[in-house]
Amino acid sequence: MKTQDPIHVDLTTEQAAEYLNVSHPFLISLLEEKKLQYATVGSHRRVRVADLQAFREGDDKQRETILRELAADAQLNGHGY
């Protein structure tokens, strides 16, 4: 029996939402807004673990950039950070 590399595994939308720690409706909105790729199997959507990892990494980088900008702005304006 051949095992699949976990990065190439497809998850259900419920599993994908759990993986990203977001609500199922929020995940569906990401799919519908084409912010996250998916495949359709019959009438069900499947999301690759690799795509979820890439999305999470991009989201983390964006969040880090925003936090750095906020901290720099707070220091510049004397807010004690």
C-alpha atoms as a PDB file:
ATOM      1  CA  MET A   1       0.000   0.000   0.000  1.00  0.00           C
ATOM      2  CA  LYS A   2       1.341   3.401  -1.000  1.00  0.00           C
ATOM      3  CA  THR A   3       1.135   6.267   1.504  1.00  0.00           C
ATOM      4  CA  GLN A   4       0.597   9.828   0.361  1.00  0.00           C
ATOM      5  CA  ASP A   5       2.841  12.698   1.302  1.00  0.00           C
ATOM      6  CA  PRO A   6       0.711  14.704   3.791  1.00  0.00           C
ATOM      7  CA  ILE A   7       1.306  17.908   1.845  1.00  0.00           C
ATOM      8  CA  HIS A   8      -0.560  16.427  -1.142  1.00  0.00           C
ATOM      9  CA  VAL A   9      -3.597  15.307   0.854  1.00  0.00           C
ATOM     10  CA  ASP A  10      -6.958  16.907   0.125  1.00  0.00           C
ATOM     11  CA  LEU A  11      -9.112  17.930   3.090  1.00  0.00           C
ATOM     12  CA  THR A  12     -12.827  18.553   3.358  1.00  0.00           C
ATOM     13  CA  THR A  13     -13.862  22.145   3.970  1.00  0.00           C
ATOM     14  CA  GLU A  14     -14.626  21.270   7.607  1.00  0.00           C
ATOM     15  CA  GLN A  15     -11.128  19.820   8.042  1.00  0.00           C
ATOM     16  CA  ALA A  16      -9.575  22.796   6.236  1.00  0.00           C
ATOM     17  CA  ALA A  17     -11.409  25.242   8.516  1.00  0.00           C
ATOM     18  CA  GLU A  18     -10.173  23.340  11.544  1.00  0.00           C
ATOM     19  CA  TYR A  19      -6.609  23.315  10.140  1.00  0.00           C
ATOM     20  CA  LEU A  20      -6.663  27.116   9.782  1.00  0.00           C
ATOM     21  CA  ASN A  21      -8.539  27.529  13.078  1.00  0.00           C
ATOM     22  CA  VAL A  22     -11.327  29.509  11.409  1.00  0.00           C
ATOM     23  CA  SER A  23     -15.064  28.986  11.140  1.00  0.00           C
ATOM     24  CA  HIS A  24     -16.468  26.912   8.302  1.00  0.00           C
ATOM     25  CA  PRO A  25     -18.442  29.890   6.885  1.00  0.00           C
ATOM     26  CA  PHE A  26     -15.253  32.015   6.894  1.00  0.00           C
ATOM     27  CA  LEU A  27     -13.359  29.286   5.032  1.00  0.00           C
ATOM     28  CA  ILE A  28     -16.154  29.064   2.459  1.00  0.00           C
ATOM     29  CA  SER A  29     -15.923  32.832   1.945  1.00  0.00           C
ATOM     30  CA  LEU A  30     -12.165  32.474   1.315  1.00  0.00           C
ATOM     31  CA  LEU A  31     -12.902  29.818  -1.313  1.00  0.00           C
ATOM     32  CA  GLU A  32     -15.655  31.854  -2.973  1.00  0.00           C
ATOM     33  CA  GLU A  33     -13.443  34.971  -3.036  1.00  0.00           C
ATOM     34  CA  LYS A  34     -10.717  32.822  -4.663  1.00  0.00           C
ATOM     35  CA  LYS A  35      -8.277  33.621  -1.867  1.00  0.00           C
ATOM     36  CA  LEU A  36      -7.729  29.899  -1.438  1.00  0.00           C
ATOM     37  CA  GLN A  37      -7.680  27.241  -4.154  1.00  0.00           C
ATOM     38  CA  TYR A  38      -9.849  24.143  -4.075  1.00  0.00           C
ATOM     39  CA  ALA A  39     -10.937  21.248  -6.241  1.00  0.00           C
ATOM     40  CA  THR A  40     -14.423  19.889  -6.629  1.00  0.00           C
ATOM     41  CA  VAL A  41     -15.033  16.174  -6.141  1.00  0.00           C
ATOM     42  CA  GLY A  42     -18.600  15.494  -7.149  1.00  0.00           C
ATOM     43  CA  SER A  43     -20.464  18.275  -5.364  1.00  0.00           C
ATOM     44  CA  HIS A  44     -17.920  18.603  -2.563  1.00  0.00           C
ATOM     45  CA  ARG A  45     -14.981  20.972  -2.283  1.00  0.00           C
ATOM     46  CA  ARG A  46     -11.544  19.695  -1.314  1.00  0.00           C
ATOM     47  CA  VAL A  47      -8.578  21.818  -0.252  1.00  0.00           C
ATOM     48  CA  ARG A  48      -4.944  20.691  -0.452  1.00  0.00           C
ATOM     49  CA  VAL A  49      -2.852  20.830   2.690  1.00  0.00           C
ATOM     50  CA  ALA A  50      -0.084  22.519   0.657  1.00  0.00           C
ATOM     51  CA  ASP A  51      -2.477  25.335  -0.307  1.00  0.00           C
ATOM     52  CA  LEU A  52      -3.579  25.732   3.317  1.00  0.00           C
ATOM     53  CA  GLN A  53       0.049  25.936   4.469  1.00  0.00           C
ATOM     54  CA  ALA A  54       0.874  28.547   1.829  1.00  0.00           C
ATOM     55  CA  PHE A  55      -2.206  30.587   2.765  1.00  0.00           C
ATOM     56  CA  ARG A  56      -1.371  30.421   6.478  1.00  0.00           C
ATOM     57  CA  GLU A  57       2.257  31.437   5.865  1.00  0.00           C
ATOM     58  CA  GLY A  58       1.174  34.395   3.734  1.00  0.00           C
ATOM     59  CA  ASP A  59      -1.387  35.424   6.327  1.00  0.00           C
ATOM     60  CA  ASP A  60       1.207  35.161   9.109  1.00  0.00           C
ATOM     61  CA  LYS A  61       3.667  37.326   7.151  1.00  0.00           C
ATOM     62  CA  GLN A  62       1.000  39.936   6.475  1.00  0.00           C
ATOM     63  CA  ARG A  63      -0.023  39.988  10.142  1.00  0.00           C
ATOM     64  CA  GLU A  64       3.619  40.354  11.234  1.00  0.00           C
ATOM     65  CA  THR A  65       4.147  43.272   8.835  1.00  0.00           C
ATOM     66  CA  ILE A  66       1.050  45.062  10.144  1.00  0.00           C
ATOM     67  CA  LEU A  67       2.097  44.523  13.769  1.00  0.00           C
ATOM     68  CA  ARG A  68       5.575  45.917  13.091  1.00  0.00           C
ATOM     69  CA  GLU A  69       4.033  48.971  11.415  1.00  0.00           C
ATOM     70  CA  LEU A  70       1.695  49.524  14.364  1.00  0.00           C
ATOM     71  CA  ALA A  71       4.548  49.176  16.874  1.00  0.00           C
ATOM     72  CA  ALA A  72       6.725  51.599  14.877  1.00  0.00           C
ATOM     73  CA  ASP A  73       3.842  54.084  14.684  1.00  0.00           C
ATOM     74  CA  ALA A  74       3.221  53.753  18.433  1.00  0.00           C
ATOM     75  CA  GLN A  75       6.902  54.418  19.186  1.00  0.00           C
ATOM     76  CA  LEU A  76       6.993  57.348  16.810  1.00  0.00           C
ATOM     77  CA  ASN A  77       3.975  58.893  18.492  1.00  0.00           C
ATOM     78  CA  GLY A  78       5.183  58.201  22.050  1.00  0.00           C
ATOM     79  CA  HIS A  79       2.624  55.560  23.015  1.00  0.00           C
ATOM     80  CA  GLY A  80       5.155  53.583  25.042  1.00  0.00           C
ATOM     81  CA  TYR A  81       5.719  50.509  22.873  1.00  0.00           C
END
